Amino acid sequence: MTILGMNIVPEPLLRQKVTEAIRASIAAGNLAPGQKLVEREICGELGISRTVLREALQHLEAEGLIVNRSRRGRSVASIGREEARQIYEVRRALEGLIGAGFAENATALQIGRLKTHLQSIRNRPPRDIFAAEQQFFAMMLEHCGNQVAADFARQLDGRIMILKQRSAFQNIPLAERLSELGAIAAAVEARNGRLAGDLCMKRIERLSESVDLLTLPEAVAS
């Protein structure tokens, strides 16, 4: 809103922008797993109040990107080997349900939009490919017809994001990744839920194999 010629950012919008900024920093690796989050420093850099920051951090904590330990305060989540294996095991099952559900429940318009999005990925600069792939699966998740699976998948997004920092997945040639997405889209268009689910699960298996679990701590202190 505007008062006396001054532009004032509504607090909910500011909180959203702060949440997105911190999430992007974690995704880019600028905030590393285990790194302590010093409120004073973040508030000074972003020019925000501690109230806005704490609300943003609470949101990111709910996403699994941040942990809050009473004596040590908030820090970026760090994932141990066994937890990583469990995350990928659960995500694989969820992706199978989501892929099959989208193939069986999506409308022709929704499938058309998925195909259009896939085509657009081919024309994007390399730095935008990963986000575009994420959007591809977000479109499937939104219309898979299984709200429980979708909600659980969203809850894992933050920890999957952290694990991808240890992943060599983006080193896989773009042609192979597009072929993988194309096969999923073709199975969806054919309304072959079983095949679409299997292909989505194989993609998660490939992603998990690209993470060097030996670089992860054996366990994370609570």
C-alpha atoms as a PDB file:
ATOM      1  CA  MET A   1       0.000   0.000   0.000  1.00  0.00           C
ATOM      2  CA  THR A   2       1.054   3.651  -0.411  1.00  0.00           C
ATOM      3  CA  ILE A   3       0.801   6.286   2.343  1.00  0.00           C
ATOM      4  CA  LEU A   4       2.039   9.843   1.780  1.00  0.00           C
ATOM      5  CA  GLY A   5       4.060   8.687  -1.205  1.00  0.00           C
ATOM      6  CA  MET A   6       5.875   5.936   0.712  1.00  0.00           C
ATOM      7  CA  ASN A   7       5.845   2.331  -0.515  1.00  0.00           C
ATOM      8  CA  ILE A   8       5.333  -0.039   2.397  1.00  0.00           C
ATOM      9  CA  VAL A   9       5.805  -3.760   1.926  1.00  0.00           C
ATOM     10  CA  PRO A  10       3.025  -5.677   3.741  1.00  0.00           C
ATOM     11  CA  GLU A  11       4.512  -7.860   6.492  1.00  0.00           C
ATOM     12  CA  PRO A  12       3.191 -11.188   5.115  1.00  0.00           C
ATOM     13  CA  LEU A  13       4.774 -10.401   1.732  1.00  0.00           C
ATOM     14  CA  LEU A  14       8.048  -9.396   3.400  1.00  0.00           C
ATOM     15  CA  ARG A  15       8.068 -12.603   5.436  1.00  0.00           C
ATOM     16  CA  GLN A  16       7.538 -14.606   2.237  1.00  0.00           C
ATOM     17  CA  LYS A  17      10.416 -12.825   0.502  1.00  0.00           C
ATOM     18  CA  VAL A  18      12.723 -13.457   3.457  1.00  0.00           C
ATOM     19  CA  THR A  19      11.707 -17.134   3.529  1.00  0.00           C
ATOM     20  CA  GLU A  20      12.431 -17.452  -0.199  1.00  0.00           C
ATOM     21  CA  ALA A  21      15.791 -15.666   0.142  1.00  0.00           C
ATOM     22  CA  ILE A  22      17.015 -17.970   2.916  1.00  0.00           C
ATOM     23  CA  ARG A  23      15.682 -21.054   1.126  1.00  0.00           C
ATOM     24  CA  ALA A  24      17.533 -20.008  -2.044  1.00  0.00           C
ATOM     25  CA  SER A  25      20.767 -19.493  -0.071  1.00  0.00           C
ATOM     26  CA  ILE A  26      20.487 -22.998   1.362  1.00  0.00           C
ATOM     27  CA  ALA A  27      19.745 -24.463  -2.083  1.00  0.00           C
ATOM     28  CA  ALA A  28      22.770 -22.683  -3.554  1.00  0.00           C
ATOM     29  CA  GLY A  29      25.024 -23.896  -0.730  1.00  0.00           C
ATOM     30  CA  ASN A  30      25.729 -20.376   0.540  1.00  0.00           C
ATOM     31  CA  LEU A  31      24.337 -21.556   3.862  1.00  0.00           C
ATOM     32  CA  ALA A  32      25.945 -24.936   4.482  1.00  0.00           C
ATOM     33  CA  PRO A  33      24.471 -27.904   6.389  1.00  0.00           C
ATOM     34  CA  GLY A  34      25.125 -27.437  10.099  1.00  0.00           C
ATOM     35  CA  GLN A  35      25.855 -23.708   9.765  1.00  0.00           C
ATOM     36  CA  LYS A  36      24.562 -21.672  12.692  1.00  0.00           C
ATOM     37  CA  LEU A  37      22.097 -18.913  11.799  1.00  0.00           C
ATOM     38  CA  VAL A  38      22.926 -15.728  13.658  1.00  0.00           C
ATOM     39  CA  GLU A  39      19.790 -13.601  13.800  1.00  0.00           C
ATOM     40  CA  ARG A  40      21.638 -10.311  14.259  1.00  0.00           C
ATOM     41  CA  GLU A  41      23.728 -10.867  11.138  1.00  0.00           C
ATOM     42  CA  ILE A  42      20.794 -11.952   8.960  1.00  0.00           C
ATOM     43  CA  CYS A  43      18.608  -9.058  10.120  1.00  0.00           C
ATOM     44  CA  GLY A  44      21.420  -6.613   9.395  1.00  0.00           C
ATOM     45  CA  GLU A  45      22.069  -8.024   5.924  1.00  0.00           C
ATOM     46  CA  LEU A  46      18.408  -8.116   4.919  1.00  0.00           C
ATOM     47  CA  GLY A  47      17.331  -4.986   6.786  1.00  0.00           C
ATOM     48  CA  ILE A  48      14.460  -6.696   8.600  1.00  0.00           C
ATOM     49  CA  SER A  49      13.156  -7.061  12.145  1.00  0.00           C
ATOM     50  CA  ARG A  50      13.768 -10.120  14.272  1.00  0.00           C
ATOM     51  CA  THR A  51      10.024 -10.764  14.351  1.00  0.00           C
ATOM     52  CA  VAL A  52       9.878 -11.136  10.561  1.00  0.00           C
ATOM     53  CA  LEU A  53      13.040 -13.262  10.539  1.00  0.00           C
ATOM     54  CA  ARG A  54      11.817 -15.613  13.255  1.00  0.00           C
ATOM     55  CA  GLU A  55       8.527 -16.186  11.449  1.00  0.00           C
ATOM     56  CA  ALA A  56      10.449 -17.005   8.268  1.00  0.00           C
ATOM     57  CA  LEU A  57      12.758 -19.372  10.158  1.00  0.00           C
ATOM     58  CA  GLN A  58       9.784 -21.142  11.735  1.00  0.00           C
ATOM     59  CA  HIS A  59       8.397 -21.765   8.251  1.00  0.00           C
ATOM     60  CA  LEU A  60      11.732 -23.167   7.048  1.00  0.00           C
ATOM     61  CA  GLU A  61      11.960 -25.306  10.175  1.00  0.00           C
ATOM     62  CA  ALA A  62       8.597 -26.835   9.268  1.00  0.00           C
ATOM     63  CA  GLU A  63      10.023 -27.622   5.812  1.00  0.00           C
ATOM     64  CA  GLY A  64      12.945 -29.469   7.379  1.00  0.00           C
ATOM     65  CA  LEU A  65      15.552 -27.015   6.113  1.00  0.00           C
ATOM     66  CA  ILE A  66      16.386 -25.662   9.556  1.00  0.00           C
ATOM     67  CA  VAL A  67      16.667 -27.270  12.992  1.00  0.00           C
ATOM     68  CA  ASN A  68      16.225 -25.522  16.321  1.00  0.00           C
ATOM     69  CA  ARG A  69      18.182 -26.889  19.243  1.00  0.00           C
ATOM     70  CA  SER A  70      17.446 -25.181  22.538  1.00  0.00           C
ATOM     71  CA  ARG A  71      21.055 -24.670  23.650  1.00  0.00           C
ATOM     72  CA  ARG A  72      22.620 -24.003  20.252  1.00  0.00           C
ATOM     73  CA  GLY A  73      19.839 -22.121  18.510  1.00  0.00           C
ATOM     74  CA  ARG A  74      18.859 -22.510  14.864  1.00  0.00           C
ATOM     75  CA  SER A  75      21.120 -23.916  12.172  1.00  0.00           C
ATOM     76  CA  VAL A  76      20.829 -25.351   8.677  1.00  0.00           C
ATOM     77  CA  ALA A  77      19.758 -28.987   8.846  1.00  0.00           C
ATOM     78  CA  SER A  78      22.489 -31.595   8.493  1.00  0.00           C
ATOM     79  CA  ILE A  79      21.624 -35.104   7.349  1.00  0.00           C
ATOM     80  CA  GLY A  80      23.395 -38.318   8.320  1.00  0.00           C
ATOM     81  CA  ARG A  81      23.880 -41.407   6.131  1.00  0.00           C
ATOM     82  CA  GLU A  82      21.082 -43.508   7.554  1.00  0.00           C
ATOM     83  CA  GLU A  83      18.598 -40.638   7.450  1.00  0.00           C
ATOM     84  CA  ALA A  84      19.570 -39.974   3.821  1.00  0.00           C
ATOM     85  CA  ARG A  85      18.883 -43.602   2.907  1.00  0.00           C
ATOM     86  CA  GLN A  86      15.511 -43.435   4.658  1.00  0.00           C
ATOM     87  CA  ILE A  87      14.583 -40.140   2.966  1.00  0.00           C
ATOM     88  CA  TYR A  88      15.239 -41.545  -0.490  1.00  0.00           C
ATOM     89  CA  GLU A  89      13.441 -44.787   0.339  1.00  0.00           C
ATOM     90  CA  VAL A  90      10.305 -42.895   1.356  1.00  0.00           C
ATOM     91  CA  ARG A  91      10.572 -40.387  -1.490  1.00  0.00           C
ATOM     92  CA  ARG A  92      10.867 -43.229  -4.007  1.00  0.00           C
ATOM     93  CA  ALA A  93       7.585 -44.716  -2.805  1.00  0.00           C
ATOM     94  CA  LEU A  94       5.871 -41.324  -2.845  1.00  0.00           C
ATOM     95  CA  GLU A  95       7.100 -40.497  -6.360  1.00  0.00           C
ATOM     96  CA  GLY A  96       5.679 -43.805  -7.567  1.00  0.00           C
ATOM     97  CA  LEU A  97       2.264 -42.944  -6.128  1.00  0.00           C
ATOM     98  CA  ILE A  98       2.403 -39.418  -7.526  1.00  0.00           C
ATOM     99  CA  GLY A  99       3.443 -40.501 -11.012  1.00  0.00           C
ATOM    100  CA  ALA A 100       0.774 -43.203 -11.197  1.00  0.00           C
ATOM    101  CA  GLY A 101      -1.853 -40.917  -9.704  1.00  0.00           C
ATOM    102  CA  PHE A 102      -1.179 -38.109 -12.166  1.00  0.00           C
ATOM    103  CA  ALA A 103      -1.386 -40.484 -15.148  1.00  0.00           C
ATOM    104  CA  GLU A 104      -4.701 -41.814 -13.933  1.00  0.00           C
ATOM    105  CA  ASN A 105      -6.329 -38.612 -12.609  1.00  0.00           C
ATOM    106  CA  ALA A 106      -4.985 -35.601 -14.513  1.00  0.00           C
ATOM    107  CA  THR A 107      -7.211 -33.901 -17.066  1.00  0.00           C
ATOM    108  CA  ALA A 108      -6.211 -33.637 -20.718  1.00  0.00           C
ATOM    109  CA  LEU A 109      -5.504 -29.933 -20.119  1.00  0.00           C
ATOM    110  CA  GLN A 110      -3.170 -30.680 -17.195  1.00  0.00           C
ATOM    111  CA  ILE A 111      -1.306 -33.300 -19.226  1.00  0.00           C
ATOM    112  CA  GLY A 112      -1.010 -30.815 -22.080  1.00  0.00           C
ATOM    113  CA  ARG A 113       0.502 -28.240 -19.753  1.00  0.00           C
ATOM    114  CA  LEU A 114       3.019 -30.809 -18.509  1.00  0.00           C
ATOM    115  CA  LYS A 115       4.078 -31.560 -22.106  1.00  0.00           C
ATOM    116  CA  THR A 116       4.329 -27.834 -22.897  1.00  0.00           C
ATOM    117  CA  HIS A 117       6.495 -27.312 -19.843  1.00  0.00           C
ATOM    118  CA  LEU A 118       8.739 -30.199 -20.873  1.00  0.00           C
ATOM    119  CA  GLN A 119       9.184 -28.653 -24.297  1.00  0.00           C
ATOM    120  CA  SER A 120      10.109 -25.315 -22.725  1.00  0.00           C
ATOM    121  CA  ILE A 121      12.893 -26.964 -20.696  1.00  0.00           C
ATOM    122  CA  ARG A 122      14.772 -27.694 -23.920  1.00  0.00           C
ATOM    123  CA  ASN A 123      15.144 -23.969 -24.582  1.00  0.00           C
ATOM    124  CA  ARG A 124      16.280 -22.871 -21.135  1.00  0.00           C
ATOM    125  CA  PRO A 125      19.804 -21.891 -20.104  1.00  0.00           C
ATOM    126  CA  PRO A 126      21.676 -24.566 -18.113  1.00  0.00           C
ATOM    127  CA  ARG A 127      21.378 -22.660 -14.833  1.00  0.00           C
ATOM    128  CA  ASP A 128      17.570 -22.868 -15.014  1.00  0.00           C
ATOM    129  CA  ILE A 129      17.245 -26.547 -15.925  1.00  0.00           C
ATOM    130  CA  PHE A 130      17.224 -27.945 -12.408  1.00  0.00           C
ATOM    131  CA  ALA A 131      14.443 -25.579 -11.249  1.00  0.00           C
ATOM    132  CA  ALA A 132      12.455 -26.419 -14.393  1.00  0.00           C
ATOM    133  CA  GLU A 133      12.755 -30.145 -13.622  1.00  0.00           C
ATOM    134  CA  GLN A 134      11.491 -29.472 -10.125  1.00  0.00           C
ATOM    135  CA  GLN A 135       8.514 -27.619 -11.589  1.00  0.00           C
ATOM    136  CA  PHE A 136       7.769 -30.582 -13.863  1.00  0.00           C
ATOM    137  CA  PHE A 137       7.291 -32.839 -10.839  1.00  0.00           C
ATOM    138  CA  ALA A 138       5.506 -30.121  -8.865  1.00  0.00           C
ATOM    139  CA  MET A 139       2.865 -30.032 -11.623  1.00  0.00           C
ATOM    140  CA  MET A 140       2.387 -33.784 -11.294  1.00  0.00           C
ATOM    141  CA  LEU A 141       2.242 -33.593  -7.516  1.00  0.00           C
ATOM    142  CA  GLU A 142      -0.438 -30.887  -7.628  1.00  0.00           C
ATOM    143  CA  HIS A 143      -2.842 -33.017  -9.644  1.00  0.00           C
ATOM    144  CA  CYS A 144      -1.981 -36.592  -8.646  1.00  0.00           C
ATOM    145  CA  GLY A 145      -5.259 -37.166  -6.836  1.00  0.00           C
ATOM    146  CA  ASN A 146      -3.502 -38.332  -3.657  1.00  0.00           C
ATOM    147  CA  GLN A 147      -3.338 -35.414  -1.234  1.00  0.00           C
ATOM    148  CA  VAL A 148      -1.680 -37.458   1.514  1.00  0.00           C
ATOM    149  CA  ALA A 149       1.189 -38.519  -0.766  1.00  0.00           C
ATOM    150  CA  ALA A 150       1.518 -34.937  -2.020  1.00  0.00           C
ATOM    151  CA  ASP A 151       1.689 -33.519   1.516  1.00  0.00           C
ATOM    152  CA  PHE A 152       4.323 -36.029   2.630  1.00  0.00           C
ATOM    153  CA  ALA A 153       6.377 -35.327  -0.507  1.00  0.00           C
ATOM    154  CA  ARG A 154       6.306 -31.588   0.227  1.00  0.00           C
ATOM    155  CA  GLN A 155       7.512 -32.251   3.760  1.00  0.00           C
ATOM    156  CA  LEU A 156      10.592 -33.993   2.339  1.00  0.00           C
ATOM    157  CA  ASP A 157      11.403 -31.256  -0.202  1.00  0.00           C
ATOM    158  CA  GLY A 158      13.648 -29.340   2.175  1.00  0.00           C
ATOM    159  CA  ARG A 159      15.802 -32.316   3.114  1.00  0.00           C
ATOM    160  CA  ILE A 160      15.971 -33.470  -0.517  1.00  0.00           C
ATOM    161  CA  MET A 161      17.235 -29.987  -1.384  1.00  0.00           C
ATOM    162  CA  ILE A 162      20.044 -30.317   1.163  1.00  0.00           C
ATOM    163  CA  LEU A 163      21.011 -33.763  -0.132  1.00  0.00           C
ATOM    164  CA  LYS A 164      21.191 -32.455  -3.697  1.00  0.00           C
ATOM    165  CA  GLN A 165      24.114 -30.282  -2.645  1.00  0.00           C
ATOM    166  CA  ARG A 166      26.048 -33.561  -2.279  1.00  0.00           C
ATOM    167  CA  SER A 167      24.672 -34.889  -5.545  1.00  0.00           C
ATOM    168  CA  ALA A 168      26.299 -35.336  -8.946  1.00  0.00           C
ATOM    169  CA  PHE A 169      22.846 -35.502 -10.556  1.00  0.00           C
ATOM    170  CA  GLN A 170      23.333 -32.237 -12.429  1.00  0.00           C
ATOM    171  CA  ASN A 171      26.422 -33.707 -14.070  1.00  0.00           C
ATOM    172  CA  ILE A 172      24.212 -36.192 -15.911  1.00  0.00           C
ATOM    173  CA  PRO A 173      23.989 -35.044 -19.567  1.00  0.00           C
ATOM    174  CA  LEU A 174      20.959 -32.895 -20.291  1.00  0.00           C
ATOM    175  CA  ALA A 175      19.901 -35.171 -23.150  1.00  0.00           C
ATOM    176  CA  GLU A 176      19.597 -38.103 -20.729  1.00  0.00           C
ATOM    177  CA  ARG A 177      17.582 -36.080 -18.229  1.00  0.00           C
ATOM    178  CA  LEU A 178      15.217 -34.825 -20.933  1.00  0.00           C
ATOM    179  CA  SER A 179      14.819 -38.370 -22.245  1.00  0.00           C
ATOM    180  CA  GLU A 180      13.881 -39.479 -18.737  1.00  0.00           C
ATOM    181  CA  LEU A 181      11.256 -36.747 -18.420  1.00  0.00           C
ATOM    182  CA  GLY A 182       9.998 -37.462 -21.929  1.00  0.00           C
ATOM    183  CA  ALA A 183       9.432 -41.125 -21.082  1.00  0.00           C
ATOM    184  CA  ILE A 184       7.441 -40.133 -17.991  1.00  0.00           C
ATOM    185  CA  ALA A 185       5.342 -37.663 -20.015  1.00  0.00           C
ATOM    186  CA  ALA A 186       4.665 -40.327 -22.675  1.00  0.00           C
ATOM    187  CA  ALA A 187       3.516 -42.824 -20.030  1.00  0.00           C
ATOM    188  CA  VAL A 188       1.260 -40.159 -18.535  1.00  0.00           C
ATOM    189  CA  GLU A 189      -0.237 -39.300 -21.927  1.00  0.00           C
ATOM    190  CA  ALA A 190      -0.905 -43.002 -22.519  1.00  0.00           C
ATOM    191  CA  ARG A 191      -2.663 -43.123 -19.126  1.00  0.00           C
ATOM    192  CA  ASN A 192      -0.275 -45.892 -18.089  1.00  0.00           C
ATOM    193  CA  GLY A 193      -0.145 -45.261 -14.364  1.00  0.00           C
ATOM    194  CA  ARG A 194       1.993 -48.254 -13.547  1.00  0.00           C
ATOM    195  CA  LEU A 195       4.693 -47.294 -16.043  1.00  0.00           C
ATOM    196  CA  ALA A 196       4.621 -43.627 -15.051  1.00  0.00           C
ATOM    197  CA  GLY A 197       5.028 -44.591 -11.402  1.00  0.00           C
ATOM    198  CA  ASP A 198       7.871 -46.995 -12.153  1.00  0.00           C
ATOM    199  CA  LEU A 199       9.724 -44.344 -14.185  1.00  0.00           C
ATOM    200  CA  CYS A 200       9.341 -41.783 -11.412  1.00  0.00           C
ATOM    201  CA  MET A 201      10.717 -44.264  -8.890  1.00  0.00           C
ATOM    202  CA  LYS A 202      13.682 -45.050 -11.131  1.00  0.00           C
ATOM    203  CA  ARG A 203      14.461 -41.350 -11.320  1.00  0.00           C
ATOM    204  CA  ILE A 204      14.630 -41.142  -7.522  1.00  0.00           C
ATOM    205  CA  GLU A 205      16.858 -44.224  -7.455  1.00  0.00           C
ATOM    206  CA  ARG A 206      19.169 -42.492  -9.905  1.00  0.00           C
ATOM    207  CA  LEU A 207      19.175 -39.349  -7.798  1.00  0.00           C
ATOM    208  CA  SER A 208      19.993 -41.294  -4.637  1.00  0.00           C
ATOM    209  CA  GLU A 209      22.854 -43.082  -6.408  1.00  0.00           C
ATOM    210  CA  SER A 210      24.335 -39.715  -7.368  1.00  0.00           C
ATOM    211  CA  VAL A 211      24.719 -38.730  -3.707  1.00  0.00           C
ATOM    212  CA  ASP A 212      28.004 -39.799  -2.150  1.00  0.00           C
ATOM    213  CA  LEU A 213      26.735 -41.097   1.169  1.00  0.00           C
ATOM    214  CA  LEU A 214      30.282 -41.502   2.413  1.00  0.00           C
ATOM    215  CA  THR A 215      30.628 -37.718   2.469  1.00  0.00           C
ATOM    216  CA  LEU A 216      27.726 -37.501   4.908  1.00  0.00           C
ATOM    217  CA  PRO A 217      28.256 -37.815   8.680  1.00  0.00           C
ATOM    218  CA  GLU A 218      27.442 -41.265   9.992  1.00  0.00           C
ATOM    219  CA  ALA A 219      24.949 -39.691  12.364  1.00  0.00           C
ATOM    220  CA  VAL A 220      23.852 -36.179  13.312  1.00  0.00           C
ATOM    221  CA  ALA A 221      23.952 -35.150  16.943  1.00  0.00           C
ATOM    222  CA  SER A 222      20.571 -34.172  18.354  1.00  0.00           C
END
